[in-house]
Protein backbone atom coordinates (compact mmCIF):
# COMPACT_ATOMS: atom_id res chain seq x y z
CA MET A 1 -7.14 37.56 26.13
CA GLY A 2 -4.40 35.01 25.55
CA LYS A 3 -4.52 31.91 23.40
CA PRO A 4 -7.31 29.61 24.64
CA THR A 5 -6.25 26.43 26.43
CA MET A 6 -7.75 23.00 26.87
CA GLU A 7 -8.78 24.10 30.38
CA ASP A 8 -10.72 27.00 28.85
CA VAL A 9 -12.57 24.61 26.54
CA ALA A 10 -13.36 22.33 29.47
CA ALA A 11 -14.72 25.23 31.52
CA ARG A 12 -16.85 26.50 28.63
CA ALA A 13 -18.26 23.03 27.92
CA GLY A 14 -18.73 22.16 31.60
CA VAL A 15 -16.63 19.01 31.39
CA SER A 16 -13.23 17.85 32.60
CA ARG A 17 -9.94 18.55 30.86
CA ALA A 18 -9.51 14.79 30.42
CA LEU A 19 -12.74 14.57 28.48
CA VAL A 20 -11.69 17.44 26.21
CA SER A 21 -8.47 15.55 25.53
CA LEU A 22 -10.46 12.44 24.59
CA VAL A 23 -12.59 14.43 22.16
CA MET A 24 -9.55 16.09 20.56
CA ARG A 25 -8.02 12.65 20.05
CA ASN A 26 -11.32 11.43 18.57
CA ALA A 27 -11.54 8.69 21.17
CA PRO A 28 -14.62 6.46 20.72
CA ASN A 29 -15.73 6.29 24.36
CA VAL A 30 -17.36 9.75 24.52
CA SER A 31 -21.10 10.33 24.26
CA ALA A 32 -22.44 12.27 21.30
CA ARG A 33 -23.88 14.96 23.63
CA ARG A 34 -20.58 15.64 25.39
CA ARG A 35 -18.60 15.46 22.16
CA ALA A 36 -20.86 18.08 20.60
CA ALA A 37 -20.50 20.32 23.67
CA VAL A 38 -16.70 20.17 23.51
CA VAL A 39 -16.61 20.85 19.78
CA LYS A 40 -18.99 23.80 20.20
CA ALA A 41 -16.84 25.26 22.99
CA ALA A 42 -13.66 24.78 20.99
CA GLU A 43 -15.18 26.57 18.00
CA GLU A 44 -16.44 29.46 20.15
CA LEU A 45 -13.04 29.93 21.77
CA GLY A 46 -11.05 29.40 18.60
CA TYR A 47 -9.12 26.65 20.38
CA SER A 48 -8.64 24.46 17.32
CA PRO A 49 -8.80 25.03 13.54
CA HIS A 50 -12.30 24.95 12.16
CA VAL A 51 -11.44 21.95 10.04
CA MET A 52 -10.49 19.92 13.10
CA ALA A 53 -13.62 20.83 14.98
CA ARG A 54 -15.78 19.97 12.00
CA SER A 55 -14.04 16.64 11.59
CA LEU A 56 -14.43 15.76 15.25
CA ALA A 57 -18.09 16.66 15.21
CA SER A 58 -18.86 14.40 12.27
CA ARG A 59 -16.17 11.80 13.02
CA THR A 60 -15.29 12.12 9.35
CA SER A 61 -12.06 13.86 8.39
CA THR A 62 -12.24 16.72 5.92
CA VAL A 63 -8.46 16.95 5.64
CA LEU A 64 -6.49 15.62 2.67
CA GLY A 65 -2.72 15.24 2.89
CA VAL A 66 -0.43 16.06 -0.03
CA MET A 67 3.28 15.21 -0.06
CA VAL A 68 5.36 17.03 -2.68
CA ASN A 69 8.61 15.62 -4.01
CA ASP A 70 10.35 18.96 -4.57
CA LEU A 71 9.01 22.38 -3.56
CA ARG A 72 11.25 24.11 -6.11
CA ASN A 73 9.74 22.27 -9.08
CA ALA A 74 6.87 24.22 -10.68
CA PHE A 75 5.27 20.98 -11.92
CA PHE A 76 4.21 20.14 -8.37
CA ALA A 77 2.89 23.65 -7.75
CA ASP A 78 0.62 23.29 -10.78
CA VAL A 79 -0.70 19.91 -9.60
CA VAL A 80 -1.24 21.16 -6.04
CA GLU A 81 -3.17 24.14 -7.38
CA GLY A 82 -5.51 21.78 -9.20
CA LEU A 83 -5.89 19.53 -6.15
CA ASP A 84 -6.65 22.50 -3.93
CA ALA A 85 -9.35 23.81 -6.26
CA ALA A 86 -11.02 20.40 -6.40
CA ALA A 87 -10.72 19.92 -2.64
CA GLN A 88 -12.21 23.31 -1.82
CA SER A 89 -15.19 22.70 -4.10
CA ALA A 90 -15.85 19.40 -2.31
CA GLY A 91 -15.47 20.80 1.22
CA PHE A 92 -11.97 19.47 1.96
CA ASP A 93 -8.82 21.23 3.10
CA LEU A 94 -5.24 20.32 2.15
CA ILE A 95 -2.26 19.77 4.42
CA LEU A 96 0.98 20.03 2.47
CA ASN A 97 4.52 18.86 3.21
CA THR A 98 7.64 17.59 1.45
CA GLY A 99 10.40 15.06 1.83
CA GLY A 100 12.92 16.97 -0.27
CA ARG A 101 13.54 14.12 -2.76
CA MET A 102 15.02 11.96 0.03
CA PRO A 103 13.44 8.58 0.91
CA SER A 104 14.14 8.87 4.64
CA ARG A 105 12.73 12.39 4.86
CA GLU A 106 9.72 11.38 2.77
CA GLY A 107 9.03 8.53 5.17
CA ALA A 108 8.98 10.99 8.07
CA ALA A 109 6.85 13.44 6.08
CA LEU A 110 4.32 10.73 5.26
CA ARG A 111 4.08 9.68 8.89
CA SER A 112 3.52 13.31 9.81
CA LEU A 113 0.65 13.61 7.33
CA LEU A 114 -0.93 10.44 8.65
CA SER A 115 -0.77 11.78 12.21
CA PHE A 116 -3.47 14.29 11.19
CA ARG A 117 -5.77 11.35 10.42
CA PRO A 118 -6.57 12.61 6.91
CA ALA A 119 -9.41 11.26 4.82
CA GLY A 120 -6.76 10.37 2.23
CA VAL A 121 -3.37 11.37 0.89
CA VAL A 122 -1.94 12.20 -2.53
CA LEU A 123 1.78 11.58 -3.03
CA LEU A 124 3.43 13.53 -5.87
CA SER A 125 6.38 11.65 -7.43
CA PRO A 126 7.30 9.97 -4.16
CA VAL A 127 10.64 8.19 -3.75
CA VAL A 128 9.64 6.63 -0.44
CA PRO A 129 9.82 2.78 -0.47
CA ALA A 130 6.77 0.86 -1.65
CA ALA A 131 6.42 -0.72 1.79
CA ALA A 132 5.78 2.71 3.32
CA ILE A 133 3.12 3.43 0.70
CA GLU A 134 1.46 0.08 1.38
CA ALA A 135 1.45 0.80 5.12
CA ALA A 136 -0.09 4.22 4.54
CA ALA A 137 -2.82 2.68 2.38
CA ARG A 138 -3.85 0.53 5.33
CA GLN A 139 -4.70 3.74 7.23
CA CYS A 140 -6.41 5.79 4.51
CA PRO A 141 -6.85 5.97 0.72
CA VAL A 142 -3.65 6.76 -1.20
CA VAL A 143 -3.21 8.11 -4.74
CA LEU A 144 0.18 8.37 -6.44
CA VAL A 145 0.81 10.99 -9.11
CA SER A 146 3.82 10.44 -11.40
CA ARG A 147 4.69 7.09 -9.91
CA THR A 148 3.48 3.62 -10.79
CA SER A 149 2.35 0.96 -8.33
CA ARG A 150 1.10 -2.62 -8.38
CA LEU A 151 -0.64 -2.32 -5.01
CA SER A 152 -4.37 -3.00 -5.30
CA THR A 153 -5.03 -0.56 -2.46
CA VAL A 154 -3.34 2.35 -4.25
CA ASP A 155 -4.52 4.37 -7.27
CA THR A 156 -2.15 6.01 -9.75
CA VAL A 157 -2.16 8.89 -12.23
CA ASN A 158 0.72 9.10 -14.71
CA ASP A 159 1.60 10.46 -18.09
CA ASP A 160 3.01 8.06 -20.69
CA GLY A 161 6.68 8.89 -20.25
CA GLU A 162 7.80 6.56 -23.02
CA ALA A 163 5.47 8.26 -25.49
CA GLY A 164 6.54 11.70 -24.28
CA ALA A 165 10.22 11.00 -24.81
CA ALA A 166 9.46 9.56 -28.24
CA LEU A 167 7.64 12.78 -29.19
CA ALA A 168 10.74 14.79 -28.32
CA VAL A 169 13.07 12.49 -30.28
CA GLU A 170 10.78 12.55 -33.32
CA HIS A 171 10.73 16.34 -33.27
CA LEU A 172 14.52 16.58 -33.06
CA VAL A 173 15.06 13.98 -35.78
CA GLN A 174 12.72 15.88 -38.09
CA LEU A 175 14.90 18.94 -37.50
CA GLY A 176 17.88 16.96 -38.78
CA HIS A 177 19.52 16.05 -35.47
CA ARG A 178 21.24 12.68 -35.23
CA ARG A 179 23.47 13.01 -32.18
CA ILE A 180 20.90 13.46 -29.43
CA ALA A 181 21.56 13.06 -25.72
CA HIS A 182 19.17 12.50 -22.85
CA LEU A 183 19.92 14.04 -19.44
CA ASP A 184 17.89 11.57 -17.42
CA GLY A 185 16.21 11.88 -14.04
CA GLY A 186 18.26 9.21 -12.28
CA GLY A 187 16.14 7.37 -9.76
CA ALA A 188 13.31 9.89 -9.75
CA ALA A 189 9.75 8.69 -10.30
CA GLY A 190 8.95 8.66 -14.02
CA ALA A 191 12.58 8.87 -15.09
CA ALA A 192 12.85 5.21 -16.10
CA ALA A 193 9.90 5.46 -18.52
CA ARG A 194 11.33 8.56 -20.19
CA ARG A 195 14.72 6.87 -20.45
CA ARG A 196 13.18 3.78 -22.07
CA GLY A 197 11.17 5.89 -24.47
CA PHE A 198 14.24 7.85 -25.49
CA ARG A 199 16.31 4.75 -26.17
CA GLN A 200 13.55 3.02 -28.09
CA ALA A 201 12.83 6.07 -30.24
CA MET A 202 16.50 6.61 -31.06
CA ARG A 203 17.01 2.99 -32.06
CA SER A 204 13.88 3.04 -34.18
CA HIS A 205 15.66 5.68 -36.29
CA GLY A 206 18.89 3.70 -36.34
CA LEU A 207 20.56 6.19 -34.00
CA GLU A 208 22.74 5.50 -30.98
CA PRO A 209 21.15 6.81 -27.77
CA ILE A 210 23.38 8.86 -25.47
CA VAL A 211 22.20 8.89 -21.86
CA VAL A 212 23.88 11.00 -19.20
CA ARG A 213 22.96 10.37 -15.59
CA SER A 214 21.34 13.41 -14.02
CA GLU A 215 18.50 14.44 -11.69
CA HIS A 216 15.38 16.57 -11.94
CA THR A 217 17.11 19.77 -10.76
CA ASP A 218 18.75 22.75 -12.45
CA THR A 219 22.08 22.08 -10.74
CA ALA A 220 22.09 18.52 -12.02
CA GLY A 221 21.35 19.80 -15.53
CA GLU A 222 24.42 22.03 -15.39
CA LYS A 223 26.64 19.20 -14.18
CA ALA A 224 25.32 16.80 -16.81
CA VAL A 225 26.15 19.23 -19.63
CA GLN A 226 29.66 19.69 -18.30
CA GLU A 227 30.10 15.92 -18.27
CA LEU A 228 28.60 15.58 -21.73
CA LEU A 229 30.90 18.17 -23.29
CA SER A 230 33.97 16.61 -21.69
CA LEU A 231 33.16 13.03 -22.77
CA TYR A 232 31.70 13.33 -26.27
CA SER A 233 33.44 14.66 -29.37
CA PRO A 234 31.84 15.54 -31.64
CA ARG A 235 29.28 16.74 -29.15
CA PRO A 236 25.53 16.11 -29.49
CA THR A 237 23.55 18.76 -31.33
CA ALA A 238 20.39 18.25 -29.28
CA LEU A 239 19.38 17.40 -25.71
CA LEU A 240 16.26 15.97 -24.11
CA ALA A 241 16.34 17.02 -20.47
CA GLY A 242 14.69 15.02 -17.70
CA ASN A 243 12.31 17.89 -16.93
CA ASP A 244 11.98 21.64 -17.43
CA PHE A 245 13.99 22.46 -14.32
CA ASN A 246 16.83 20.26 -15.55
CA ALA A 247 16.61 21.87 -19.00
CA VAL A 248 17.06 25.37 -17.59
CA GLY A 249 20.25 24.27 -15.85
CA ALA A 250 21.45 22.63 -19.05
CA ILE A 251 20.85 25.80 -21.08
CA SER A 252 22.78 27.83 -18.52
CA ALA A 253 25.77 25.48 -18.78
CA LEU A 254 25.69 25.48 -22.58
CA GLU A 255 25.75 29.25 -22.65
CA GLU A 256 28.65 29.31 -20.20
CA HIS A 257 30.57 27.19 -22.72
CA GLY A 258 29.79 29.64 -25.51
CA LEU A 259 27.15 27.47 -27.16
CA ARG A 260 23.97 29.09 -28.44
CA VAL A 261 20.51 27.59 -27.98
CA PRO A 262 19.13 26.56 -30.42
CA ASP A 263 21.73 27.59 -33.05
CA ASP A 264 24.41 25.25 -31.72
CA VAL A 265 22.40 22.92 -29.47
CA SER A 266 18.65 22.34 -29.35
CA VAL A 267 17.08 21.62 -25.96
CA VAL A 268 13.76 19.98 -25.09
CA GLY A 269 12.35 19.92 -21.57
CA TYR A 270 9.61 17.84 -19.99
CA ASP A 271 6.47 18.91 -18.04
CA ASN A 272 5.57 22.26 -19.71
CA THR A 273 5.58 24.12 -16.42
CA SER A 274 5.04 27.86 -16.11
CA LEU A 275 8.82 28.16 -16.16
CA ALA A 276 8.95 26.87 -19.74
CA SER A 277 6.61 29.54 -21.08
CA LEU A 278 8.54 32.50 -19.69
CA ARG A 279 9.50 34.69 -22.64
CA HIS A 280 13.25 34.73 -21.95
CA ILE A 281 13.26 30.91 -21.68
CA SER A 282 10.58 29.88 -24.21
CA LEU A 283 11.40 26.20 -23.80
CA THR A 284 10.26 23.52 -26.21
CA THR A 285 8.91 20.85 -23.90
CA VAL A 286 6.70 17.80 -23.48
CA ASP A 287 3.42 18.77 -21.86
CA GLN A 288 2.03 16.75 -18.98
CA PRO A 289 -1.67 17.65 -18.57
CA ARG A 290 -1.23 18.77 -14.97
CA ALA A 291 -4.76 20.08 -14.42
CA GLU A 292 -6.25 16.82 -15.66
CA MET A 293 -3.82 14.81 -13.54
CA ALA A 294 -4.90 16.75 -10.46
CA ARG A 295 -8.57 16.27 -11.25
CA LEU A 296 -8.20 12.53 -11.81
CA ALA A 297 -6.15 12.13 -8.64
CA PHE A 298 -8.75 13.95 -6.54
CA ASP A 299 -11.65 12.04 -8.11
CA ALA A 300 -9.91 8.72 -7.46
CA LEU A 301 -9.25 9.69 -3.85
CA LEU A 302 -12.82 10.86 -3.30
CA GLU A 303 -14.22 7.59 -4.67
CA ARG A 304 -12.14 5.69 -2.13
CA VAL A 305 -13.04 8.04 0.72
CA ARG A 306 -16.75 7.62 -0.03
CA GLY A 307 -16.43 3.85 -0.34
CA GLU A 308 -17.62 3.89 -3.94
CA ARG A 309 -14.80 1.70 -5.24
CA THR A 310 -12.27 -0.84 -3.97
CA GLU A 311 -10.58 -1.83 -7.23
CA PRO A 312 -7.49 0.20 -8.22
CA VAL A 313 -7.54 2.69 -11.08
CA ARG A 314 -4.51 3.26 -13.30
CA HIS A 315 -4.80 6.50 -15.28
CA LEU A 316 -2.19 6.84 -18.05
CA LEU A 317 -2.43 10.14 -19.93
CA HIS A 318 -0.91 10.82 -23.33
CA PRO A 319 1.44 13.84 -23.37
CA SER A 320 1.90 16.32 -26.19
CA LEU A 321 4.78 18.41 -27.51
CA VAL A 322 4.84 22.20 -27.18
CA VAL A 323 7.32 23.72 -29.64
CA ARG A 324 8.87 27.03 -28.65
CA GLU A 325 12.25 28.65 -29.26
CA THR A 326 14.88 26.29 -27.83
CA THR A 327 14.80 23.86 -30.76
CA GLY A 328 15.84 24.48 -34.35
CA PRO A 329 17.35 22.80 -37.41
CA ASN A 330 20.68 21.04 -37.06
CA SER A 331 23.29 23.44 -38.41
CA GLY A 332 25.25 20.47 -39.78
CA GLU A 333 28.23 21.13 -37.52
CA ALA A 334 28.98 19.34 -34.29
CA GLN A 335 31.36 21.74 -32.66
CA ARG A 336 33.98 20.49 -30.26
């Protein structure tokens, strides 16, 4: 038997194809008896996913949308894993997509998620304009992870990026480093807070902050190191990368230039993803509590979905430093 059609559902339910179409679009002008018959027929034939049929039957969506900033970044995989576990335990299913770190693509991805009429959406480090987020929040509850917002209709979950950057600087200063550079995240969500924290921490020690424009990718980390080595002499003896992914690219570029990590240059990442703990990388990094961020984001969304709260929540979590093998004492020589 081939894939069931809308006509098959109509025949099984004893209704017209037009009525099946109305039910599938969740139109209001359908009686409860006929709606139930269509949903039952659709389930029996396997015409639509179980989650859709269940949602239509109850007129309450059990779908949650999640938009990921960058599918290559392990930070988002960790957060999605936590969201999925929480969603499954509460009877929800996730729909996942990405905008590839591009505002225009994220706008299209968000519209696509909303077309599924989800109960709510979680946006992970979105770069889409605030106006698009505000518009989405008029259709369903919205929670932002790793991005701030002043919208009263939107909840947020963030780590304290300023404090996290300060932890990294303090660690490097205690190791004797004075020329420390930050490979920042450019316009990425959360990058500004880390940049501010780095500058403030450096100045609190009477040190001049060196900031090199970068992005939260490995390729950008490589390019930033090449720029750093060509512009600064003597070179910095330590780097704070924008995130773990960026740090891996930076380490690769340093090694290509014959510099040893941490003997010649210490490197600190940010996020403490699974990538950082790999034995051959063993990256010192600032830990964002990803499991807790996922839990708080889901709880905030569920409160909105259930109508338990209308006031916004602003979760700000304190990060911690995980010391591994990419940082060490300043050798006392800033090699050219």
